[in-house]
Amino acid sequence: MMHAIPLFISSTEIVFILFIVIMVFGADKIPDIAKGMGKGMRTLKNATNDIKSEIQRSAEKQGIDADLSKDIKEEINKVKGEIEDLTGSVRRKL
């Protein structure tokens, strides 16, 4: 099952990009390129997690309630859901 790509790239475009990559780098270099990209993504994820944990620790030291951001996110998601319900009913009527 193919998952939707958040950049709205169609499967045809992905195949075309892969074809270009194979033409430029050659099929034997693809695993090395993918491995390097994987390491880069992992490094970026680790750095992001480090920053998040540092912000969390800093907030706890300052006495800031970190759960407040979770509450805000929950409220935003509730409002987003209500808006989607409203727009969905409007779309059905049109």
PDB file of N, CA and C in Angstrom:
ATOM      1  N   MET A   1       0.843  -1.179   0.000  1.00  0.00           N
ATOM      2  CA  MET A   1       0.000   0.000   0.000  1.00  0.00           C
ATOM      3  C   MET A   1       0.886   1.240   0.000  1.00  0.00           C
ATOM      4  N   MET A   2       0.649   2.155  -0.908  1.00  0.00           N
ATOM      5  CA  MET A   2       1.454   3.364  -1.033  1.00  0.00           C
ATOM      6  C   MET A   2       0.862   4.455  -0.162  1.00  0.00           C
ATOM      7  N   HIS A   3       1.699   5.089   0.636  1.00  0.00           N
ATOM      8  CA  HIS A   3       1.246   6.183   1.483  1.00  0.00           C
ATOM      9  C   HIS A   3       1.358   7.495   0.722  1.00  0.00           C
ATOM     10  N   ALA A   4       0.496   8.434   1.061  1.00  0.00           N
ATOM     11  CA  ALA A   4       0.532   9.738   0.408  1.00  0.00           C
ATOM     12  C   ALA A   4       1.799  10.471   0.828  1.00  0.00           C
ATOM     13  N   ILE A   5       2.444  11.080  -0.120  1.00  0.00           N
ATOM     14  CA  ILE A   5       3.648  11.847   0.143  1.00  0.00           C
ATOM     15  C   ILE A   5       3.221  13.284   0.411  1.00  0.00           C
ATOM     16  N   PRO A   6       3.688  13.878   1.527  1.00  0.00           N
ATOM     17  CA  PRO A   6       3.205  15.200   1.904  1.00  0.00           C
ATOM     18  C   PRO A   6       3.533  16.303   0.903  1.00  0.00           C
ATOM     19  N   LEU A   7       4.444  16.080  -0.008  1.00  0.00           N
ATOM     20  CA  LEU A   7       4.792  17.121  -0.966  1.00  0.00           C
ATOM     21  C   LEU A   7       3.915  17.066  -2.206  1.00  0.00           C
ATOM     22  N   PHE A   8       2.914  16.192  -2.190  1.00  0.00           N
ATOM     23  CA  PHE A   8       1.982  16.045  -3.287  1.00  0.00           C
ATOM     24  C   PHE A   8       2.689  15.677  -4.590  1.00  0.00           C
ATOM     25  N   ILE A   9       3.627  14.747  -4.495  1.00  0.00           N
ATOM     26  CA  ILE A   9       4.319  14.249  -5.672  1.00  0.00           C
ATOM     27  C   ILE A   9       3.622  12.969  -6.097  1.00  0.00           C
ATOM     28  N   SER A  10       3.240  12.889  -7.342  1.00  0.00           N
ATOM     29  CA  SER A  10       2.538  11.698  -7.811  1.00  0.00           C
ATOM     30  C   SER A  10       3.532  10.564  -8.028  1.00  0.00           C
ATOM     31  N   SER A  11       3.003   9.362  -8.146  1.00  0.00           N
ATOM     32  CA  SER A  11       3.869   8.201  -8.346  1.00  0.00           C
ATOM     33  C   SER A  11       4.593   8.278  -9.690  1.00  0.00           C
ATOM     34  N   THR A  12       3.956   8.875 -10.683  1.00  0.00           N
ATOM     35  CA  THR A  12       4.601   9.045 -11.987  1.00  0.00           C
ATOM     36  C   THR A  12       5.825   9.948 -11.868  1.00  0.00           C
ATOM     37  N   GLU A  13       5.688  11.007 -11.084  1.00  0.00           N
ATOM     38  CA  GLU A  13       6.816  11.925 -10.894  1.00  0.00           C
ATOM     39  C   GLU A  13       7.941  11.256 -10.127  1.00  0.00           C
ATOM     40  N   ILE A  14       7.602  10.411  -9.169  1.00  0.00           N
ATOM     41  CA  ILE A  14       8.627   9.689  -8.410  1.00  0.00           C
ATOM     42  C   ILE A  14       9.400   8.757  -9.333  1.00  0.00           C
ATOM     43  N   VAL A  15       8.696   8.042 -10.190  1.00  0.00           N
ATOM     44  CA  VAL A  15       9.351   7.135 -11.147  1.00  0.00           C
ATOM     45  C   VAL A  15      10.264   7.932 -12.070  1.00  0.00           C
ATOM     46  N   PHE A  16       9.807   9.071 -12.541  1.00  0.00           N
ATOM     47  CA  PHE A  16      10.617   9.914 -13.416  1.00  0.00           C
ATOM     48  C   PHE A  16      11.877  10.391 -12.696  1.00  0.00           C
ATOM     49  N   ILE A  17      11.734  10.813 -11.433  1.00  0.00           N
ATOM     50  CA  ILE A  17      12.891  11.264 -10.656  1.00  0.00           C
ATOM     51  C   ILE A  17      13.873  10.119 -10.462  1.00  0.00           C
ATOM     52  N   LEU A  18      13.369   8.927 -10.138  1.00  0.00           N
ATOM     53  CA  LEU A  18      14.253   7.769  -9.989  1.00  0.00           C
ATOM     54  C   LEU A  18      14.983   7.445 -11.293  1.00  0.00           C
ATOM     55  N   PHE A  19      14.289   7.553 -12.403  1.00  0.00           N
ATOM     56  CA  PHE A  19      14.905   7.320 -13.711  1.00  0.00           C
ATOM     57  C   PHE A  19      16.057   8.305 -13.940  1.00  0.00           C
ATOM     58  N   ILE A  20      15.830   9.573 -13.643  1.00  0.00           N
ATOM     59  CA  ILE A  20      16.877  10.593 -13.802  1.00  0.00           C
ATOM     60  C   ILE A  20      18.058  10.303 -12.880  1.00  0.00           C
ATOM     61  N   VAL A  21      17.778   9.918 -11.641  1.00  0.00           N
ATOM     62  CA  VAL A  21      18.851   9.601 -10.692  1.00  0.00           C
ATOM     63  C   VAL A  21      19.684   8.432 -11.212  1.00  0.00           C
ATOM     64  N   ILE A  22      19.032   7.406 -11.728  1.00  0.00           N
ATOM     65  CA  ILE A  22      19.754   6.251 -12.279  1.00  0.00           C
ATOM     66  C   ILE A  22      20.595   6.664 -13.475  1.00  0.00           C
ATOM     67  N   MET A  23      20.043   7.532 -14.328  1.00  0.00           N
ATOM     68  CA  MET A  23      20.789   7.993 -15.500  1.00  0.00           C
ATOM     69  C   MET A  23      22.012   8.819 -15.092  1.00  0.00           C
ATOM     70  N   VAL A  24      21.876   9.645 -14.067  1.00  0.00           N
ATOM     71  CA  VAL A  24      22.978  10.528 -13.664  1.00  0.00           C
ATOM     72  C   VAL A  24      24.040   9.772 -12.870  1.00  0.00           C
ATOM     73  N   PHE A  25      23.611   8.995 -11.874  1.00  0.00           N
ATOM     74  CA  PHE A  25      24.568   8.363 -10.970  1.00  0.00           C
ATOM     75  C   PHE A  25      24.881   6.912 -11.315  1.00  0.00           C
ATOM     76  N   GLY A  26      24.034   6.262 -12.035  1.00  0.00           N
ATOM     77  CA  GLY A  26      24.230   4.853 -12.331  1.00  0.00           C
ATOM     78  C   GLY A  26      23.589   3.988 -11.260  1.00  0.00           C
ATOM     79  N   ALA A  27      23.147   2.813 -11.668  1.00  0.00           N
ATOM     80  CA  ALA A  27      22.422   1.926 -10.762  1.00  0.00           C
ATOM     81  C   ALA A  27      23.287   1.437  -9.607  1.00  0.00           C
ATOM     82  N   ASP A  28      24.596   1.296  -9.819  1.00  0.00           N
ATOM     83  CA  ASP A  28      25.460   0.783  -8.766  1.00  0.00           C
ATOM     84  C   ASP A  28      25.692   1.797  -7.640  1.00  0.00           C
ATOM     85  N   LYS A  29      25.460   3.080  -7.871  1.00  0.00           N
ATOM     86  CA  LYS A  29      25.659   4.116  -6.853  1.00  0.00           C
ATOM     87  C   LYS A  29      24.409   4.375  -6.015  1.00  0.00           C
ATOM     88  N   ILE A  30      23.241   3.892  -6.459  1.00  0.00           N
ATOM     89  CA  ILE A  30      21.978   4.159  -5.772  1.00  0.00           C
ATOM     90  C   ILE A  30      22.003   3.691  -4.308  1.00  0.00           C
ATOM     91  N   PRO A  31      22.476   2.475  -3.993  1.00  0.00           N
ATOM     92  CA  PRO A  31      22.494   2.055  -2.577  1.00  0.00           C
ATOM     93  C   PRO A  31      23.351   2.971  -1.701  1.00  0.00           C
ATOM     94  N   ASP A  32      24.497   3.427  -2.231  1.00  0.00           N
ATOM     95  CA  ASP A  32      25.355   4.325  -1.460  1.00  0.00           C
ATOM     96  C   ASP A  32      24.670   5.666  -1.224  1.00  0.00           C
ATOM     97  N   ILE A  33      23.978   6.163  -2.233  1.00  0.00           N
ATOM     98  CA  ILE A  33      23.264   7.429  -2.105  1.00  0.00           C
ATOM     99  C   ILE A  33      22.147   7.284  -1.080  1.00  0.00           C
ATOM    100  N   ALA A  34      21.386   6.194  -1.164  1.00  0.00           N
ATOM    101  CA  ALA A  34      20.292   5.959  -0.220  1.00  0.00           C
ATOM    102  C   ALA A  34      20.822   5.814   1.210  1.00  0.00           C
ATOM    103  N   LYS A  35      21.955   5.133   1.356  1.00  0.00           N
ATOM    104  CA  LYS A  35      22.562   4.955   2.667  1.00  0.00           C
ATOM    105  C   LYS A  35      22.973   6.311   3.254  1.00  0.00           C
ATOM    106  N   GLY A  36      23.572   7.144   2.427  1.00  0.00           N
ATOM    107  CA  GLY A  36      23.972   8.475   2.882  1.00  0.00           C
ATOM    108  C   GLY A  36      22.776   9.332   3.259  1.00  0.00           C
ATOM    109  N   MET A  37      21.709   9.232   2.450  1.00  0.00           N
ATOM    110  CA  MET A  37      20.501   9.998   2.762  1.00  0.00           C
ATOM    111  C   MET A  37      19.869   9.500   4.058  1.00  0.00           C
ATOM    112  N   GLY A  38      19.891   8.187   4.273  1.00  0.00           N
ATOM    113  CA  GLY A  38      19.359   7.620   5.515  1.00  0.00           C
ATOM    114  C   GLY A  38      20.120   8.116   6.735  1.00  0.00           C
ATOM    115  N   LYS A  39      21.449   8.135   6.615  1.00  0.00           N
ATOM    116  CA  LYS A  39      22.275   8.652   7.718  1.00  0.00           C
ATOM    117  C   LYS A  39      21.977  10.124   7.976  1.00  0.00           C
ATOM    118  N   GLY A  40      21.807  10.874   6.905  1.00  0.00           N
ATOM    119  CA  GLY A  40      21.493  12.298   7.057  1.00  0.00           C
ATOM    120  C   GLY A  40      20.146  12.516   7.733  1.00  0.00           C
ATOM    121  N   MET A  41      19.158  11.734   7.329  1.00  0.00           N
ATOM    122  CA  MET A  41      17.831  11.850   7.937  1.00  0.00           C
ATOM    123  C   MET A  41      17.880  11.450   9.412  1.00  0.00           C
ATOM    124  N   ARG A  42      18.625  10.396   9.724  1.00  0.00           N
ATOM    125  CA  ARG A  42      18.755   9.947  11.109  1.00  0.00           C
ATOM    126  C   ARG A  42      19.445  11.015  11.954  1.00  0.00           C
ATOM    127  N   THR A  43      20.490  11.635  11.413  1.00  0.00           N
ATOM    128  CA  THR A  43      21.198  12.697  12.125  1.00  0.00           C
ATOM    129  C   THR A  43      20.269  13.879  12.376  1.00  0.00           C
ATOM    130  N   LEU A  44      19.494  14.239  11.370  1.00  0.00           N
ATOM    131  CA  LEU A  44      18.545  15.340  11.519  1.00  0.00           C
ATOM    132  C   LEU A  44      17.497  15.019  12.579  1.00  0.00           C
ATOM    133  N   LYS A  45      16.989  13.789  12.578  1.00  0.00           N
ATOM    134  CA  LYS A  45      15.983  13.384  13.564  1.00  0.00           C
ATOM    135  C   LYS A  45      16.575  13.425  14.969  1.00  0.00           C
ATOM    136  N   ASN A  46      17.806  12.922  15.124  1.00  0.00           N
ATOM    137  CA  ASN A  46      18.458  12.943  16.435  1.00  0.00           C
ATOM    138  C   ASN A  46      18.681  14.372  16.918  1.00  0.00           C
ATOM    139  N   ALA A  47      19.093  15.252  16.014  1.00  0.00           N
ATOM    140  CA  ALA A  47      19.310  16.650  16.386  1.00  0.00           C
ATOM    141  C   ALA A  47      17.994  17.293  16.805  1.00  0.00           C
ATOM    142  N   THR A  48      16.924  16.997  16.098  1.00  0.00           N
ATOM    143  CA  THR A  48      15.613  17.541  16.439  1.00  0.00           C
ATOM    144  C   THR A  48      15.172  17.048  17.806  1.00  0.00           C
ATOM    145  N   ASN A  49      15.366  15.757  18.070  1.00  0.00           N
ATOM    146  CA  ASN A  49      15.001  15.210  19.375  1.00  0.00           C
ATOM    147  C   ASN A  49      15.836  15.833  20.487  1.00  0.00           C
ATOM    148  N   ASP A  50      17.130  16.075  20.235  1.00  0.00           N
ATOM    149  CA  ASP A  50      17.990  16.724  21.225  1.00  0.00           C
ATOM    150  C   ASP A  50      17.495  18.132  21.539  1.00  0.00           C
ATOM    151  N   ILE A  51      17.113  18.858  20.509  1.00  0.00           N
ATOM    152  CA  ILE A  51      16.613  20.216  20.708  1.00  0.00           C
ATOM    153  C   ILE A  51      15.318  20.192  21.511  1.00  0.00           C
ATOM    154  N   LYS A  52      14.412  19.267  21.159  1.00  0.00           N
ATOM    155  CA  LYS A  52      13.156  19.158  21.897  1.00  0.00           C
ATOM    156  C   LYS A  52      13.398  18.847  23.368  1.00  0.00           C
ATOM    157  N   SER A  53      14.290  17.903  23.635  1.00  0.00           N
ATOM    158  CA  SER A  53      14.548  17.537  25.031  1.00  0.00           C
ATOM    159  C   SER A  53      15.223  18.677  25.780  1.00  0.00           C
ATOM    160  N   GLU A  54      16.081  19.426  25.111  1.00  0.00           N
ATOM    161  CA  GLU A  54      16.726  20.567  25.754  1.00  0.00           C
ATOM    162  C   GLU A  54      15.697  21.647  26.088  1.00  0.00           C
ATOM    163  N   ILE A  55      14.769  21.893  25.191  1.00  0.00           N
ATOM    164  CA  ILE A  55      13.702  22.868  25.452  1.00  0.00           C
ATOM    165  C   ILE A  55      12.851  22.392  26.622  1.00  0.00           C
ATOM    166  N   GLN A  56      12.561  21.098  26.639  1.00  0.00           N
ATOM    167  CA  GLN A  56      11.765  20.514  27.730  1.00  0.00           C
ATOM    168  C   GLN A  56      12.470  20.702  29.071  1.00  0.00           C
ATOM    169  N   ARG A  57      13.766  20.384  29.113  1.00  0.00           N
ATOM    170  CA  ARG A  57      14.532  20.538  30.357  1.00  0.00           C
ATOM    171  C   ARG A  57      14.581  21.992  30.791  1.00  0.00           C
ATOM    172  N   SER A  58      14.798  22.877  29.828  1.00  0.00           N
ATOM    173  CA  SER A  58      14.856  24.302  30.135  1.00  0.00           C
ATOM    174  C   SER A  58      13.519  24.799  30.677  1.00  0.00           C
ATOM    175  N   ALA A  59      12.434  24.339  30.088  1.00  0.00           N
ATOM    176  CA  ALA A  59      11.104  24.740  30.545  1.00  0.00           C
ATOM    177  C   ALA A  59      10.858  24.238  31.967  1.00  0.00           C
ATOM    178  N   GLU A  60      11.276  23.011  32.246  1.00  0.00           N
ATOM    179  CA  GLU A  60      11.096  22.461  33.584  1.00  0.00           C
ATOM    180  C   GLU A  60      11.923  23.230  34.613  1.00  0.00           C
ATOM    181  N   LYS A  61      13.148  23.635  34.249  1.00  0.00           N
ATOM    182  CA  LYS A  61      13.982  24.418  35.159  1.00  0.00           C
ATOM    183  C   LYS A  61      13.365  25.781  35.454  1.00  0.00           C
ATOM    184  N   GLN A  62      12.728  26.365  34.457  1.00  0.00           N
ATOM    185  CA  GLN A  62      12.114  27.686  34.615  1.00  0.00           C
ATOM    186  C   GLN A  62      10.732  27.605  35.257  1.00  0.00           C
ATOM    187  N   GLY A  63      10.245  26.388  35.455  1.00  0.00           N
ATOM    188  CA  GLY A  63       8.935  26.221  36.071  1.00  0.00           C
ATOM    189  C   GLY A  63       7.788  26.417  35.096  1.00  0.00           C
ATOM    190  N   ILE A  64       8.088  26.325  33.829  1.00  0.00           N
ATOM    191  CA  ILE A  64       7.050  26.468  32.806  1.00  0.00           C
ATOM    192  C   ILE A  64       6.371  25.117  32.634  1.00  0.00           C
ATOM    193  N   ASP A  65       5.058  25.142  32.598  1.00  0.00           N
ATOM    194  CA  ASP A  65       4.297  23.909  32.434  1.00  0.00           C
ATOM    195  C   ASP A  65       4.384  23.457  30.989  1.00  0.00           C
ATOM    196  N   ALA A  66       5.120  22.383  30.754  1.00  0.00           N
ATOM    197  CA  ALA A  66       5.291  21.866  29.395  1.00  0.00           C
ATOM    198  C   ALA A  66       4.011  21.212  28.888  1.00  0.00           C
ATOM    199  N   ASP A  67       3.144  20.785  29.789  1.00  0.00           N
ATOM    200  CA  ASP A  67       1.882  20.173  29.380  1.00  0.00           C
ATOM    201  C   ASP A  67       0.942  21.199  28.765  1.00  0.00           C
ATOM    202  N   LEU A  68       1.207  22.471  29.006  1.00  0.00           N
ATOM    203  CA  LEU A  68       0.388  23.528  28.425  1.00  0.00           C
ATOM    204  C   LEU A  68       0.411  23.444  26.906  1.00  0.00           C
ATOM    205  N   SER A  69       1.575  23.166  26.319  1.00  0.00           N
ATOM    206  CA  SER A  69       1.661  23.067  24.863  1.00  0.00           C
ATOM    207  C   SER A  69       0.852  21.881  24.354  1.00  0.00           C
ATOM    208  N   LYS A  70       0.817  20.792  25.102  1.00  0.00           N
ATOM    209  CA  LYS A  70       0.011  19.640  24.715  1.00  0.00           C
ATOM    210  C   LYS A  70      -1.473  19.997  24.736  1.00  0.00           C
ATOM    211  N   ASP A  71      -1.881  20.733  25.777  1.00  0.00           N
ATOM    212  CA  ASP A  71      -3.282  21.162  25.871  1.00  0.00           C
ATOM    213  C   ASP A  71      -3.655  22.061  24.705  1.00  0.00           C
ATOM    214  N   ILE A  72      -2.740  22.949  24.344  1.00  0.00           N
ATOM    215  CA  ILE A  72      -2.999  23.864  23.229  1.00  0.00           C
ATOM    216  C   ILE A  72      -3.129  23.065  21.931  1.00  0.00           C
ATOM    217  N   LYS A  73      -2.247  22.093  21.719  1.00  0.00           N
ATOM    218  CA  LYS A  73      -2.313  21.266  20.511  1.00  0.00           C
ATOM    219  C   LYS A  73      -3.635  20.506  20.448  1.00  0.00           C
ATOM    220  N   GLU A  74      -4.075  19.982  21.593  1.00  0.00           N
ATOM    221  CA  GLU A  74      -5.346  19.259  21.621  1.00  0.00           C
ATOM    222  C   GLU A  74      -6.503  20.176  21.247  1.00  0.00           C
ATOM    223  N   GLU A  75      -6.497  21.396  21.778  1.00  0.00           N
ATOM    224  CA  GLU A  75      -7.560  22.353  21.457  1.00  0.00           C
ATOM    225  C   GLU A  75      -7.539  22.723  19.977  1.00  0.00           C
ATOM    226  N   ILE A  76      -6.341  22.910  19.443  1.00  0.00           N
ATOM    227  CA  ILE A  76      -6.206  23.244  18.019  1.00  0.00           C
ATOM    228  C   ILE A  76      -6.748  22.100  17.175  1.00  0.00           C
ATOM    229  N   ASN A  77      -6.426  20.864  17.551  1.00  0.00           N
ATOM    230  CA  ASN A  77      -6.921  19.707  16.802  1.00  0.00           C
ATOM    231  C   ASN A  77      -8.441  19.596  16.888  1.00  0.00           C
ATOM    232  N   LYS A  78      -9.027  19.931  18.051  1.00  0.00           N
ATOM    233  CA  LYS A  78     -10.484  19.913  18.187  1.00  0.00           C
ATOM    234  C   LYS A  78     -11.122  20.925  17.241  1.00  0.00           C
ATOM    235  N   VAL A  79     -10.563  22.139  17.248  1.00  0.00           N
ATOM    236  CA  VAL A  79     -11.105  23.194  16.382  1.00  0.00           C
ATOM    237  C   VAL A  79     -10.932  22.806  14.915  1.00  0.00           C
ATOM    238  N   LYS A  80      -9.777  22.247  14.589  1.00  0.00           N
ATOM    239  CA  LYS A  80      -9.521  21.814  13.211  1.00  0.00           C
ATOM    240  C   LYS A  80     -10.544  20.769  12.786  1.00  0.00           C
ATOM    241  N   GLY A  81     -10.828  19.819  13.683  1.00  0.00           N
ATOM    242  CA  GLY A  81     -11.819  18.798  13.388  1.00  0.00           C
ATOM    243  C   GLY A  81     -13.203  19.377  13.184  1.00  0.00           C
ATOM    244  N   GLU A  82     -13.572  20.362  14.022  1.00  0.00           N
ATOM    245  CA  GLU A  82     -14.873  21.005  13.874  1.00  0.00           C
ATOM    246  C   GLU A  82     -14.962  21.762  12.551  1.00  0.00           C
ATOM    247  N   ILE A  83     -13.885  22.419  12.174  1.00  0.00           N
ATOM    248  CA  ILE A  83     -13.875  23.153  10.901  1.00  0.00           C
ATOM    249  C   ILE A  83     -14.000  22.178   9.735  1.00  0.00           C
ATOM    250  N   GLU A  84     -13.289  21.052   9.809  1.00  0.00           N
ATOM    251  CA  GLU A  84     -13.381  20.052   8.744  1.00  0.00           C
ATOM    252  C   GLU A  84     -14.787  19.481   8.653  1.00  0.00           C
ATOM    253  N   ASP A  85     -15.432  19.258   9.810  1.00  0.00           N
ATOM    254  CA  ASP A  85     -16.816  18.780   9.801  1.00  0.00           C
ATOM    255  C   ASP A  85     -17.730  19.800   9.145  1.00  0.00           C
ATOM    256  N   LEU A  86     -17.520  21.081   9.472  1.00  0.00           N
ATOM    257  CA  LEU A  86     -18.347  22.144   8.917  1.00  0.00           C
ATOM    258  C   LEU A  86     -18.138  22.272   7.418  1.00  0.00           C
ATOM    259  N   THR A  87     -16.873  22.284   6.990  1.00  0.00           N
ATOM    260  CA  THR A  87     -16.606  22.425   5.558  1.00  0.00           C
ATOM    261  C   THR A  87     -17.058  21.197   4.793  1.00  0.00           C
ATOM    262  N   GLY A  88     -16.992  20.028   5.430  1.00  0.00           N
ATOM    263  CA  GLY A  88     -17.465  18.807   4.788  1.00  0.00           C
ATOM    264  C   GLY A  88     -18.953  18.868   4.539  1.00  0.00           C
ATOM    265  N   SER A  89     -19.711  19.378   5.506  1.00  0.00           N
ATOM    266  CA  SER A  89     -21.155  19.475   5.319  1.00  0.00           C
ATOM    267  C   SER A  89     -21.492  20.542   4.281  1.00  0.00           C
ATOM    268  N   VAL A  90     -20.706  21.605   4.223  1.00  0.00           N
ATOM    269  CA  VAL A  90     -20.931  22.644   3.222  1.00  0.00           C
ATOM    270  C   VAL A  90     -20.641  22.097   1.834  1.00  0.00           C
ATOM    271  N   ARG A  91     -19.575  21.331   1.691  1.00  0.00           N
ATOM    272  CA  ARG A  91     -19.219  20.744   0.400  1.00  0.00           C
ATOM    273  C   ARG A  91     -20.306  19.783  -0.085  1.00  0.00           C
ATOM    274  N   ARG A  92     -20.857  19.014   0.840  1.00  0.00           N
ATOM    275  CA  ARG A  92     -21.900  18.061   0.454  1.00  0.00           C
ATOM    276  C   ARG A  92     -23.150  18.794  -0.043  1.00  0.00           C
ATOM    277  N   LYS A  93     -23.422  19.964   0.522  1.00  0.00           N
ATOM    278  CA  LYS A  93     -24.603  20.723   0.111  1.00  0.00           C
ATOM    279  C   LYS A  93     -24.399  21.386  -1.230  1.00  0.00           C
ATOM    280  N   LEU A  94     -23.140  21.674  -1.576  1.00  0.00           N
ATOM    281  CA  LEU A  94     -22.866  22.317  -2.855  1.00  0.00           C
ATOM    282  C   LEU A  94     -22.917  21.285  -3.902  1.00  0.00           C
TER     283      LEU A  94
END
